[in-house]
Amino acid sequence: MTNKAFVGQSAIANSLLDLVHTNVCGPLNTPARGGFSYFITFIDDHSRYGYIYLMRYKSETFGRFKEYRLEVENQTGHKIKALRSDRGGEYLSGEFIDYLKENGILSQWTPPGKPQLNEVAERRNQTLLDMVRSMMSFTEFPPSFWGYALETAAKLLNIASSKTVPQTPYEIWHGKPASYKFIGYPKKTAGYYFYDPSEQKVFVSRNTVFLEKGFPSDSRRDEVLLEESSEELRHDSTTSFEPQVLTDSVPVLRRSTRESRALESYRFVGFSCQLDNDPKTYGEVISNIDSDKWLEAMKFKMDSIGSNQVWTLVDPPKGVRPVGCKWAYKRKLGAHGEVRAFKARLVAKGYTQQPEVDFEETYSPVAMAKSIRLLLSIAAWWDFEIWQMNVKTAFLNGFIEEEIYTDQREGFTTIGEEQKVCRLQRSIYGLKQASRSWNTRFDEVIRGYNFIKNENDPCVFKKISGSSVKYLVLYVNDILLIGNDVKVLGDIKSWLSTQFPIKDMGKASYFVGIKIYRDRSRRMLGLTQSSYIEKVLKIFKMDNSKRRFLPMMHGIKLSKK
């Protein structure tokens, strides 16, 4: 049985780490692998995001709190202001009390006989234990594996919605929704294996619904409301993991009433094709077989940053938390799947930016697919030239108005100035406003050359003088230059090279993943994504499949009716 929640509970804290709830649970009947008999929870009151730590003895409580404080304050940029606990001896040691005073952290101990004032942590521990019992009852593992089940339960509570906060604890804590990948089935447990890309960890979950009739967008997410039980936990009590029969009503489950829209099912294929075997971290680059090529790409990027004066090194301002950055690596493939280039991008962790503080407007257009097809059709009909260019390090050409700082990059820290941070003067990939800054800069430059922006597609420009016709299409940093005057097109290309670092791709043959082939003698032009299809087939192990007709009568003619 579980008790009802305490009616007199205080309002939720206004910000992260304004108040942290904590509670120790144990000893448990069976020690977990590693000799752990206790666990301690820390729950942020504002987000209800929780941490758990396994412990062998209660005396480890102080050390675990210091470990927790160091991590969360460094990750969030907020300071713990108050710590709420019961009056257990592990929280009342002189060492613990002095530490809280020295760091300006207010101690909030529950009055004797009033454990409900620490109900957030008490109920969290009870809910965790109930979830662990349920998980262990469906597995053939020995009871000593309860530590793994506990960590999984804590993760699930962080990504599940509750009535206490408007979003999931994970979204409030990290500023973005959680994203997990299904990877398989465990042999001895009823459930599914999932991969957490942000923490690079694999965990097991049974509470899963697979949407097999459509691939959902990020906004499509069922809300699962979990009512945490409020049964009081005694720290010195002994807890068993034998399945228990609960007489209370089951937690309320409801489907989200928010409007959502699923993407077309074939988009799943598109997402699957993004799975390339490119390095994810700087450490993987060093051990990669193509490390010299990746390091060369990183050096090229840093040289571009230096030549564009993207940032200046300054002492870190007080009260300002730098925006994190990371390296992103990608092999750029050609029309036939061959590696054309090794790309290294410096990507800012834009999800840590705050609206109206370090960014405002973010929208940036790209050329519409129908505009590209229409202009290619015009070029084929009139036998126009179709040239292709690429703006290297495009986002570095955009200027930013906000005051933004980032950390120095791993592998490229300035010797003797390791403590300094980078104040950005231009945009970099990952910033909320980066794409918009680049698009605004290009728009200003190209219109300065008397190109006119199309009213219906802001990334299509034209310039007509007499019989000379020129069109320019911009898709992020890829450019199509179309026209009937070779000399004038050459002048435009040369002029663009003076404004931006341009890579001349010659006649267009492969643009935004589409292969272009022409027969100018017949004024015909074709578009194909054969390499894309071959890549899909290879990923799904169908590249050696034999060709077959569609499952209908071959040669059938369909009417328009």
Protein backbone atom coordinates (compact mmCIF):
# COMPACT_ATOMS: atom_id res chain seq x y z
CA MET A 1 0.00 0.00 0.00
CA THR A 2 1.13 3.56 -0.67
CA ASN A 3 0.06 6.71 1.11
CA LYS A 4 -1.46 9.75 -0.54
CA ALA A 5 0.78 12.68 -1.34
CA PHE A 6 1.23 15.27 1.39
CA VAL A 7 -1.25 18.10 0.79
CA GLY A 8 0.91 20.83 2.27
CA GLN A 9 3.83 20.45 -0.14
CA SER A 10 5.53 23.68 -1.25
CA ALA A 11 5.54 25.21 -4.73
CA ILE A 12 8.02 23.96 -7.31
CA ALA A 13 11.35 25.82 -7.47
CA ASN A 14 11.69 28.50 -10.14
CA SER A 15 15.01 27.37 -11.61
CA LEU A 16 17.32 24.38 -11.93
CA LEU A 17 19.12 23.41 -8.70
CA ASP A 18 17.31 26.00 -6.57
CA LEU A 19 16.32 23.02 -4.44
CA VAL A 20 17.61 19.43 -4.48
CA HIS A 21 15.87 16.56 -2.69
CA THR A 22 17.92 13.61 -1.45
CA ASN A 23 17.34 10.34 0.35
CA VAL A 24 19.32 7.18 1.13
CA CYS A 25 17.69 3.76 0.75
CA GLY A 26 18.96 0.49 2.20
CA PRO A 27 20.40 -1.85 3.21
CA LEU A 28 18.84 -4.21 0.69
CA ASN A 29 18.64 -7.96 1.27
CA THR A 30 20.91 -8.92 -1.61
CA PRO A 31 23.96 -6.77 -2.38
CA ALA A 32 24.21 -5.70 -6.00
CA ARG A 33 27.16 -6.70 -8.15
CA GLY A 34 30.11 -4.79 -6.75
CA GLY A 35 28.97 -5.17 -3.15
CA PHE A 36 26.47 -2.29 -3.18
CA SER A 37 23.76 -2.49 -0.51
CA TYR A 38 22.53 1.13 -0.55
CA PHE A 39 21.62 3.74 -3.09
CA ILE A 40 21.14 7.49 -2.83
CA THR A 41 18.93 9.70 -4.97
CA PHE A 42 19.23 13.40 -5.82
CA ILE A 43 16.20 15.03 -7.47
CA ASP A 44 16.12 18.57 -8.84
CA ASP A 45 12.87 20.18 -7.65
CA HIS A 46 12.36 22.38 -10.74
CA SER A 47 12.70 19.66 -13.40
CA ARG A 48 12.30 16.50 -11.27
CA TYR A 49 15.38 15.17 -13.07
CA GLY A 50 16.97 12.53 -10.85
CA TYR A 51 20.40 11.03 -10.29
CA ILE A 52 21.13 7.78 -8.45
CA TYR A 53 24.39 6.47 -7.00
CA LEU A 54 25.00 2.97 -5.65
CA MET A 55 26.85 2.81 -2.31
CA ARG A 56 28.40 0.12 -0.17
CA TYR A 57 28.02 2.08 3.08
CA LYS A 58 25.99 5.05 4.30
CA SER A 59 29.22 6.85 5.11
CA GLU A 60 29.71 7.39 1.36
CA THR A 61 26.80 9.87 1.31
CA PHE A 62 28.96 12.97 1.66
CA GLY A 63 31.33 11.88 -1.11
CA ARG A 64 28.44 11.09 -3.44
CA PHE A 65 26.94 14.53 -2.86
CA LYS A 66 30.22 16.24 -3.75
CA GLU A 67 30.42 14.11 -6.89
CA TYR A 68 26.83 15.01 -7.80
CA ARG A 69 27.33 18.73 -7.14
CA LEU A 70 30.48 18.92 -9.26
CA GLU A 71 28.78 17.26 -12.23
CA VAL A 72 25.44 19.08 -12.26
CA GLU A 73 26.82 22.55 -11.59
CA ASN A 74 29.39 22.12 -14.35
CA GLN A 75 26.82 20.75 -16.82
CA THR A 76 23.99 23.21 -16.18
CA GLY A 77 25.80 26.39 -15.16
CA HIS A 78 23.49 26.67 -12.13
CA LYS A 79 24.44 26.47 -8.44
CA ILE A 80 22.78 24.30 -5.82
CA LYS A 81 21.04 26.68 -3.43
CA ALA A 82 19.32 24.32 -1.00
CA LEU A 83 19.50 20.62 -0.07
CA ARG A 84 16.45 18.97 1.49
CA SER A 85 16.85 15.69 3.40
CA ASP A 86 15.59 13.89 6.46
CA ARG A 87 17.49 13.95 9.75
CA GLY A 88 19.51 10.80 9.03
CA GLY A 89 22.96 10.76 10.57
CA GLU A 90 24.60 10.62 7.14
CA TYR A 91 23.38 14.19 6.51
CA LEU A 92 24.14 15.57 9.99
CA SER A 93 27.88 14.95 10.18
CA GLY A 94 29.99 17.97 11.02
CA GLU A 95 31.97 17.55 7.81
CA PHE A 96 28.80 17.61 5.68
CA ILE A 97 27.29 20.60 7.51
CA ASP A 98 30.52 22.63 7.29
CA TYR A 99 30.79 21.86 3.57
CA LEU A 100 27.27 23.15 2.92
CA LYS A 101 27.95 26.34 4.89
CA GLU A 102 31.25 26.99 3.09
CA ASN A 103 29.53 26.70 -0.29
CA GLY A 104 26.46 28.75 0.60
CA ILE A 105 24.05 25.80 0.35
CA LEU A 106 21.05 26.00 2.65
CA SER A 107 20.29 22.85 4.66
CA GLN A 108 16.61 21.92 4.88
CA TRP A 109 16.10 19.04 7.32
CA THR A 110 12.67 17.61 7.93
CA PRO A 111 11.32 18.07 11.47
CA PRO A 112 11.22 14.95 13.65
CA GLY A 113 8.21 12.80 12.77
CA LYS A 114 7.52 14.73 9.52
CA PRO A 115 9.07 12.60 6.76
CA GLN A 116 6.36 13.79 4.33
CA LEU A 117 8.25 17.08 4.01
CA ASN A 118 10.88 15.09 2.13
CA GLU A 119 8.22 13.28 0.12
CA VAL A 120 9.77 13.97 -3.31
CA ALA A 121 12.83 11.87 -2.54
CA GLU A 122 10.86 9.34 -0.45
CA ARG A 123 8.36 8.72 -3.25
CA ARG A 124 11.10 8.59 -5.88
CA ASN A 125 12.88 5.81 -4.00
CA GLN A 126 9.64 3.86 -3.56
CA THR A 127 8.83 4.19 -7.27
CA LEU A 128 12.32 3.04 -8.20
CA LEU A 129 12.02 -0.02 -5.98
CA ASP A 130 8.61 -0.90 -7.45
CA MET A 131 10.02 -0.64 -10.97
CA VAL A 132 13.05 -2.76 -10.04
CA ARG A 133 10.83 -5.49 -8.57
CA SER A 134 8.78 -5.52 -11.75
CA MET A 135 11.86 -5.73 -13.99
CA MET A 136 13.52 -8.46 -11.93
CA SER A 137 10.33 -10.55 -11.95
CA PHE A 138 10.56 -10.79 -15.75
CA THR A 139 14.21 -11.81 -15.91
CA GLU A 140 16.25 -14.94 -15.29
CA PHE A 141 19.22 -13.00 -13.91
CA PRO A 142 20.18 -13.50 -10.25
CA PRO A 143 18.91 -10.88 -7.72
CA SER A 144 22.38 -9.30 -7.56
CA PHE A 145 21.67 -7.65 -10.92
CA TRP A 146 19.18 -5.24 -9.32
CA GLY A 147 21.72 -2.42 -9.64
CA TYR A 148 21.41 -2.46 -13.42
CA ALA A 149 17.62 -2.49 -13.17
CA LEU A 150 17.78 0.47 -10.80
CA GLU A 151 19.85 2.54 -13.23
CA THR A 152 17.42 1.69 -16.03
CA ALA A 153 14.43 2.66 -13.88
CA ALA A 154 16.02 6.01 -13.04
CA LYS A 155 16.59 6.70 -16.74
CA LEU A 156 12.97 5.82 -17.58
CA LEU A 157 11.61 8.17 -14.93
CA ASN A 158 13.70 11.00 -16.37
CA ILE A 159 12.22 10.57 -19.86
CA ALA A 160 8.60 9.93 -18.81
CA SER A 161 6.11 12.76 -18.27
CA SER A 162 4.46 13.36 -14.92
CA LYS A 163 1.73 15.63 -13.63
CA THR A 164 4.23 17.63 -11.59
CA VAL A 165 6.10 19.32 -14.46
CA PRO A 166 4.84 20.41 -17.92
CA GLN A 167 7.55 18.55 -19.87
CA THR A 168 9.60 15.45 -19.24
CA PRO A 169 12.40 15.95 -16.70
CA TYR A 170 14.92 15.21 -19.47
CA GLU A 171 13.58 18.03 -21.67
CA ILE A 172 13.65 20.58 -18.85
CA TRP A 173 17.11 19.50 -17.68
CA HIS A 174 18.78 19.24 -21.10
CA GLY A 175 16.67 21.72 -23.06
CA LYS A 176 15.78 19.14 -25.74
CA PRO A 177 13.73 15.93 -26.04
CA ALA A 178 15.36 12.57 -25.46
CA SER A 179 16.19 10.44 -28.50
CA TYR A 180 16.77 6.69 -28.30
CA LYS A 181 17.50 4.05 -30.92
CA PHE A 182 16.06 0.52 -30.92
CA ILE A 183 18.92 -1.96 -31.46
CA GLY A 184 17.65 -5.43 -30.55
CA TYR A 185 16.36 -7.93 -28.02
CA PRO A 186 18.06 -9.17 -24.82
CA LYS A 187 18.29 -12.96 -24.51
CA LYS A 188 17.29 -13.38 -20.88
CA THR A 189 15.00 -10.40 -20.29
CA ALA A 190 11.51 -9.56 -21.55
CA GLY A 191 12.09 -6.20 -23.19
CA TYR A 192 14.10 -4.35 -25.81
CA TYR A 193 17.61 -2.96 -26.12
CA PHE A 194 17.84 0.80 -26.75
CA TYR A 195 20.85 3.04 -27.39
CA ASP A 196 21.15 6.53 -25.89
CA PRO A 197 23.37 8.55 -28.30
CA SER A 198 23.83 11.45 -25.87
CA GLU A 199 25.33 9.23 -23.14
CA GLN A 200 26.55 6.42 -25.44
CA LYS A 201 24.86 3.81 -23.25
CA VAL A 202 22.65 0.79 -23.92
CA PHE A 203 19.68 0.03 -21.66
CA VAL A 204 16.65 -2.29 -21.52
CA SER A 205 13.00 -1.18 -21.48
CA ARG A 206 9.69 -3.05 -21.60
CA ASN A 207 7.38 -0.02 -21.65
CA THR A 208 7.67 0.53 -25.39
CA VAL A 209 5.21 1.20 -28.21
CA PHE A 210 6.48 0.81 -31.79
CA LEU A 211 4.75 3.02 -34.36
CA GLU A 212 4.98 0.67 -37.32
CA LYS A 213 2.52 2.41 -39.64
CA GLY A 214 4.46 5.61 -39.94
CA PHE A 215 7.74 7.18 -38.96
CA PRO A 216 6.95 9.92 -36.45
CA SER A 217 8.41 13.37 -36.30
CA ASP A 218 10.01 14.65 -33.11
CA SER A 219 6.71 16.22 -32.06
CA ARG A 220 4.89 12.87 -32.11
CA ARG A 221 5.34 11.42 -28.64
CA ASP A 222 2.95 9.69 -26.30
CA GLU A 223 2.88 11.07 -22.80
CA VAL A 224 3.03 8.42 -20.10
CA LEU A 225 1.98 9.79 -16.75
CA LEU A 226 3.61 7.97 -13.87
CA GLU A 227 2.19 8.46 -10.42
CA GLU A 228 5.06 8.06 -8.01
CA SER A 229 4.00 6.23 -4.88
CA SER A 230 4.27 8.08 -1.59
CA GLU A 231 4.95 5.20 0.76
CA GLU A 232 7.48 6.22 3.38
CA LEU A 233 10.83 4.41 3.19
CA ARG A 234 12.78 3.64 6.32
CA HIS A 235 16.52 3.97 5.82
CA ASP A 236 17.38 1.14 8.16
CA SER A 237 14.72 -1.21 6.88
CA THR A 238 15.48 -4.28 4.81
CA THR A 239 13.90 -4.46 1.36
CA SER A 240 13.21 -7.62 -0.64
CA PHE A 241 12.93 -7.93 -4.39
CA GLU A 242 10.29 -10.64 -4.37
CA PRO A 243 7.31 -9.59 -6.54
CA GLN A 244 4.66 -7.86 -4.43
CA VAL A 245 0.90 -7.57 -4.96
CA LEU A 246 -0.18 -3.92 -4.90
CA THR A 247 -3.80 -3.13 -4.04
CA ASP A 248 -3.73 0.50 -5.15
CA SER A 249 -5.02 1.54 -8.53
CA VAL A 250 -2.61 1.31 -11.40
CA PRO A 251 -0.89 4.46 -12.74
CA VAL A 252 -2.96 6.52 -15.13
CA LEU A 253 -1.95 6.23 -18.76
CA ARG A 254 -3.27 8.64 -21.35
CA ARG A 255 -2.41 9.58 -24.89
CA SER A 256 -1.19 13.08 -25.50
CA THR A 257 -3.86 15.50 -26.71
CA ARG A 258 -1.29 17.64 -28.50
CA GLU A 259 -1.67 17.84 -32.24
CA SER A 260 0.98 15.79 -34.02
CA ARG A 261 1.73 14.85 -37.57
CA ALA A 262 3.65 11.81 -38.78
CA LEU A 263 6.04 11.93 -41.67
CA GLU A 264 5.56 9.66 -44.66
CA SER A 265 6.70 6.12 -44.00
CA TYR A 266 9.30 6.24 -46.73
CA ARG A 267 11.19 8.89 -44.76
CA PHE A 268 12.44 6.02 -42.58
CA VAL A 269 14.63 4.95 -45.48
CA GLY A 270 16.06 8.44 -45.68
CA PHE A 271 16.91 8.49 -41.99
CA SER A 272 18.46 5.04 -42.19
CA CYS A 273 20.82 6.22 -44.90
CA GLN A 274 22.39 8.71 -42.52
CA LEU A 275 24.08 5.85 -40.66
CA ASP A 276 27.63 6.11 -41.94
CA ASN A 277 30.71 4.75 -40.23
CA ASP A 278 32.24 8.16 -39.56
CA PRO A 279 34.10 8.94 -36.31
CA LYS A 280 32.03 10.56 -33.60
CA THR A 281 34.74 11.97 -31.32
CA TYR A 282 38.26 13.35 -31.48
CA GLY A 283 39.51 10.16 -29.82
CA GLU A 284 37.98 8.02 -32.57
CA VAL A 285 39.69 10.20 -35.18
CA ILE A 286 43.11 9.56 -33.66
CA SER A 287 42.60 5.78 -33.84
CA ASN A 288 40.84 5.82 -37.25
CA ILE A 289 42.52 4.27 -40.28
CA ASP A 290 42.03 7.60 -42.11
CA SER A 291 43.25 9.70 -39.18
CA ASP A 292 45.69 11.68 -41.35
CA LYS A 293 42.85 12.73 -43.67
CA TRP A 294 40.58 13.67 -40.78
CA LEU A 295 43.34 15.67 -39.07
CA GLU A 296 44.04 17.44 -42.34
CA ALA A 297 40.34 18.33 -42.61
CA MET A 298 40.37 19.65 -39.04
CA LYS A 299 43.48 21.72 -39.72
CA PHE A 300 41.85 23.15 -42.85
CA LYS A 301 38.81 24.13 -40.78
CA MET A 302 40.94 25.80 -38.11
CA ASP A 303 42.93 27.65 -40.80
CA SER A 304 39.65 28.91 -42.26
CA ILE A 305 38.54 30.03 -38.82
CA GLY A 306 41.79 31.93 -38.39
CA SER A 307 41.69 33.58 -41.82
CA ASN A 308 38.07 34.64 -41.31
CA GLN A 309 38.79 35.97 -37.81
CA VAL A 310 35.88 33.98 -36.46
CA TRP A 311 36.82 34.56 -32.82
CA THR A 312 39.24 36.22 -30.47
CA LEU A 313 40.67 34.68 -27.30
CA VAL A 314 39.58 36.50 -24.15
CA ASP A 315 39.45 35.83 -20.44
CA PRO A 316 36.15 34.17 -19.47
CA PRO A 317 33.66 36.84 -18.31
CA LYS A 318 32.12 36.38 -14.88
CA GLY A 319 28.65 34.91 -14.89
CA VAL A 320 28.83 33.86 -18.55
CA ARG A 321 28.74 30.16 -19.44
CA PRO A 322 30.42 29.40 -22.78
CA VAL A 323 28.45 27.52 -25.41
CA GLY A 324 29.95 24.06 -25.82
CA CYS A 325 31.40 22.88 -29.14
CA LYS A 326 32.34 19.55 -30.68
CA TRP A 327 33.84 18.18 -33.88
CA ALA A 328 31.51 16.56 -36.43
CA TYR A 329 33.00 14.33 -39.12
CA LYS A 330 31.51 13.32 -42.46
CA ARG A 331 32.76 11.62 -45.60
CA LYS A 332 31.33 13.45 -48.60
CA LEU A 333 30.39 10.97 -51.31
CA GLY A 334 30.15 11.35 -55.07
CA ALA A 335 27.47 10.26 -57.51
CA HIS A 336 28.75 6.66 -57.49
CA GLY A 337 29.29 6.42 -53.73
CA GLU A 338 33.02 7.16 -53.86
CA VAL A 339 34.59 9.33 -51.15
CA ARG A 340 35.12 12.80 -52.59
CA ALA A 341 36.28 14.57 -49.45
CA PHE A 342 36.75 14.26 -45.70
CA LYS A 343 34.83 16.98 -43.90
CA ALA A 344 35.39 18.17 -40.35
CA ARG A 345 32.99 20.71 -38.93
CA LEU A 346 33.20 22.63 -35.71
CA VAL A 347 29.66 22.43 -34.35
CA ALA A 348 28.35 24.53 -31.48
CA LYS A 349 25.96 22.94 -29.01
CA GLY A 350 23.21 25.37 -29.89
CA TYR A 351 20.67 23.64 -27.66
CA THR A 352 22.34 25.36 -24.68
CA GLN A 353 21.59 28.83 -26.08
CA GLN A 354 18.86 30.92 -24.47
CA PRO A 355 16.23 32.84 -26.49
CA GLU A 356 16.62 36.63 -26.47
CA VAL A 357 19.95 36.20 -24.68
CA ASP A 358 22.33 34.81 -27.29
CA PHE A 359 19.95 34.38 -30.24
CA GLU A 360 16.70 35.81 -31.65
CA GLU A 361 15.66 35.04 -35.25
CA THR A 362 16.70 31.61 -36.58
CA TYR A 363 14.69 30.91 -39.74
CA SER A 364 16.74 30.45 -42.92
CA PRO A 365 15.30 29.40 -46.31
CA VAL A 366 16.74 26.99 -48.89
CA ALA A 367 15.84 26.63 -52.54
CA MET A 368 12.67 24.62 -53.11
CA ALA A 369 12.95 21.33 -54.99
CA LYS A 370 10.35 22.44 -57.52
CA SER A 371 12.37 25.59 -58.24
CA ILE A 372 15.46 23.49 -58.97
CA ARG A 373 13.52 21.16 -61.27
CA LEU A 374 11.89 24.08 -63.11
CA LEU A 375 15.18 25.88 -63.74
CA LEU A 376 16.86 22.68 -64.89
CA SER A 377 13.98 22.13 -67.32
CA ILE A 378 14.41 25.67 -68.66
CA ALA A 379 18.15 25.09 -69.01
CA ALA A 380 17.56 21.85 -70.92
CA TRP A 381 15.00 23.42 -73.26
CA TRP A 382 17.09 26.49 -74.09
CA ASP A 383 20.43 24.65 -73.90
CA PHE A 384 21.72 26.92 -71.11
CA GLU A 385 24.96 26.27 -69.25
CA ILE A 386 24.58 24.65 -65.82
CA TRP A 387 27.55 25.18 -63.54
CA GLN A 388 27.99 24.15 -59.94
CA MET A 389 29.93 25.68 -57.06
CA ASN A 390 30.31 25.10 -53.37
CA VAL A 391 31.03 27.71 -50.72
CA LYS A 392 33.64 26.28 -48.36
CA THR A 393 33.13 26.95 -44.64
CA ALA A 394 29.98 28.87 -45.56
CA PHE A 395 28.68 29.57 -42.06
CA LEU A 396 31.96 31.24 -41.10
CA ASN A 397 31.03 34.06 -43.49
CA GLY A 398 28.00 35.11 -41.46
CA PHE A 399 28.26 37.81 -38.81
CA ILE A 400 26.55 37.60 -35.42
CA GLU A 401 25.31 40.48 -33.31
CA GLU A 402 24.99 38.66 -29.99
CA GLU A 403 27.81 38.22 -27.45
CA ILE A 404 28.63 34.50 -27.52
CA TYR A 405 31.58 32.60 -26.06
CA THR A 406 32.79 29.04 -26.71
CA ASP A 407 35.52 26.82 -25.30
CA GLN A 408 38.75 26.19 -27.19
CA ARG A 409 38.78 23.08 -29.33
CA GLU A 410 40.27 19.74 -28.36
CA GLY A 411 43.56 19.24 -30.17
CA PHE A 412 43.85 22.94 -31.07
CA THR A 413 44.21 24.68 -27.71
CA THR A 414 46.52 27.70 -27.75
CA ILE A 415 49.58 26.89 -25.62
CA GLY A 416 49.90 29.24 -22.66
CA GLU A 417 46.30 30.46 -22.98
CA GLU A 418 44.43 27.29 -22.11
CA GLN A 419 42.25 29.11 -19.58
CA LYS A 420 40.87 31.58 -22.14
CA VAL A 421 37.63 31.25 -24.12
CA CYS A 422 36.68 32.23 -27.67
CA ARG A 423 34.46 35.26 -28.22
CA LEU A 424 32.66 34.71 -31.51
CA GLN A 425 32.62 37.43 -34.13
CA ARG A 426 31.18 35.22 -36.88
CA SER A 427 28.77 32.31 -36.90
CA ILE A 428 29.78 28.65 -36.69
CA TYR A 429 27.80 25.48 -37.37
CA GLY A 430 25.39 24.56 -34.63
CA LEU A 431 24.49 28.05 -33.44
CA LYS A 432 20.78 28.72 -33.60
CA GLN A 433 21.32 31.74 -35.84
CA ALA A 434 24.22 30.36 -37.93
CA SER A 435 22.26 29.41 -41.04
CA ARG A 436 20.29 32.65 -40.98
CA SER A 437 23.47 34.71 -40.58
CA TRP A 438 25.06 33.02 -43.60
CA ASN A 439 21.92 33.37 -45.73
CA THR A 440 21.61 37.05 -44.83
CA ARG A 441 25.25 37.70 -45.75
CA PHE A 442 24.95 35.88 -49.10
CA ASP A 443 21.71 37.71 -49.89
CA GLU A 444 23.39 41.08 -49.31
CA VAL A 445 26.42 40.18 -51.41
CA ILE A 446 24.58 38.70 -54.40
CA ARG A 447 22.11 41.56 -54.60
CA GLY A 448 25.06 43.91 -54.58
CA TYR A 449 25.94 42.37 -57.95
CA ASN A 450 22.49 43.42 -59.26
CA PHE A 451 20.85 40.01 -58.94
CA ILE A 452 17.12 40.15 -58.19
CA LYS A 453 15.58 37.82 -55.59
CA ASN A 454 12.60 35.75 -56.69
CA GLU A 455 9.41 36.69 -54.86
CA ASN A 456 8.25 33.10 -54.40
CA ASP A 457 11.60 31.47 -53.64
CA PRO A 458 14.07 33.65 -51.69
CA CYS A 459 16.99 31.39 -52.65
CA VAL A 460 16.56 31.87 -56.41
CA PHE A 461 18.10 34.96 -58.03
CA LYS A 462 18.06 36.21 -61.61
CA LYS A 463 19.91 38.81 -63.65
CA ILE A 464 18.74 39.63 -67.17
CA SER A 465 20.37 42.25 -69.37
CA GLY A 466 19.37 42.24 -73.02
CA SER A 467 19.70 38.71 -74.36
CA SER A 468 21.95 37.62 -71.48
CA VAL A 469 20.08 35.46 -68.94
CA LYS A 470 21.55 34.33 -65.62
CA TYR A 471 19.97 32.38 -62.75
CA LEU A 472 21.56 31.52 -59.43
CA VAL A 473 20.19 28.90 -57.02
CA LEU A 474 21.42 28.62 -53.42
CA TYR A 475 20.86 25.48 -51.35
CA VAL A 476 22.62 26.15 -48.03
CA ASN A 477 26.18 26.38 -49.42
CA ASP A 478 25.70 24.68 -52.81
CA ILE A 479 25.23 26.94 -55.82
CA LEU A 480 23.82 26.32 -59.29
CA LEU A 481 24.70 28.96 -61.88
CA ILE A 482 22.51 28.77 -65.01
CA GLY A 483 22.67 30.99 -68.07
CA ASN A 484 23.27 31.42 -71.80
CA ASP A 485 26.40 33.59 -71.76
CA VAL A 486 29.58 31.67 -70.92
CA LYS A 487 31.72 34.80 -70.54
CA VAL A 488 29.28 36.50 -68.17
CA LEU A 489 28.87 33.31 -66.14
CA GLY A 490 32.66 33.12 -65.83
CA ASP A 491 32.73 36.73 -64.61
CA ILE A 492 30.10 35.92 -61.98
CA LYS A 493 32.06 32.90 -60.82
CA SER A 494 35.26 34.95 -60.56
CA TRP A 495 33.46 37.68 -58.65
CA LEU A 496 31.94 35.19 -56.20
CA SER A 497 35.43 33.81 -55.59
CA THR A 498 36.50 37.25 -54.38
CA GLN A 499 33.63 37.34 -51.89
CA PHE A 500 33.70 33.79 -50.51
CA PRO A 501 36.02 30.75 -50.57
CA ILE A 502 34.54 28.98 -53.61
CA LYS A 503 35.16 25.47 -54.88
CA ASP A 504 34.50 25.27 -58.62
CA MET A 505 32.66 22.00 -59.38
CA GLY A 506 32.51 22.59 -63.15
CA LYS A 507 29.43 21.47 -65.02
CA ALA A 508 26.70 20.32 -62.67
CA SER A 509 26.64 16.55 -62.32
CA TYR A 510 25.66 15.85 -58.70
CA PHE A 511 23.63 18.41 -56.76
CA VAL A 512 22.15 17.92 -53.26
CA GLY A 513 22.21 14.14 -53.64
CA ILE A 514 20.76 14.08 -57.17
CA LYS A 515 22.76 12.97 -60.19
CA ILE A 516 22.30 15.16 -63.30
CA TYR A 517 22.94 13.78 -66.79
CA ARG A 518 22.45 15.62 -70.09
CA ASP A 519 22.19 14.96 -73.79
CA ARG A 520 22.64 18.46 -75.16
CA SER A 521 22.32 17.32 -78.77
CA ARG A 522 18.74 16.27 -78.00
CA ARG A 523 18.21 18.99 -75.38
CA MET A 524 17.37 16.41 -72.78
CA LEU A 525 18.24 16.40 -69.09
CA GLY A 526 17.64 13.65 -66.54
CA LEU A 527 17.73 13.43 -62.77
CA THR A 528 18.43 10.22 -60.90
CA GLN A 529 19.16 9.08 -57.37
CA SER A 530 20.57 5.70 -58.33
CA SER A 531 23.52 6.00 -55.94
CA TYR A 532 21.10 6.84 -53.15
CA ILE A 533 18.98 3.78 -53.98
CA GLU A 534 22.08 1.58 -54.13
CA LYS A 535 23.13 2.89 -50.75
CA VAL A 536 19.71 2.06 -49.29
CA LEU A 537 19.87 -1.46 -50.74
CA LYS A 538 23.35 -1.97 -49.32
CA ILE A 539 22.30 -0.88 -45.83
CA PHE A 540 19.37 -3.30 -45.86
CA LYS A 541 21.52 -6.12 -47.35
CA MET A 542 19.61 -6.10 -50.65
CA ASP A 543 22.38 -4.89 -52.97
CA ASN A 544 22.78 -8.39 -54.48
CA SER A 545 19.07 -8.93 -55.02
CA LYS A 546 17.85 -9.84 -58.49
CA ARG A 547 15.71 -7.39 -60.39
CA ARG A 548 12.02 -8.17 -60.70
CA PHE A 549 9.01 -6.51 -62.26
CA LEU A 550 6.43 -4.83 -60.07
CA PRO A 551 3.77 -7.22 -58.70
CA MET A 552 1.36 -6.46 -61.53
CA MET A 553 0.92 -7.49 -65.13
CA HIS A 554 3.96 -6.41 -67.14
CA GLY A 555 3.20 -3.86 -69.86
CA ILE A 556 -0.24 -2.97 -68.52
CA LYS A 557 -1.53 0.43 -69.66
CA LEU A 558 -3.46 2.45 -67.11
CA SER A 559 -6.06 5.03 -68.12
CA LYS A 560 -6.39 8.45 -66.52
CA LYS A 561 -9.91 7.69 -65.31
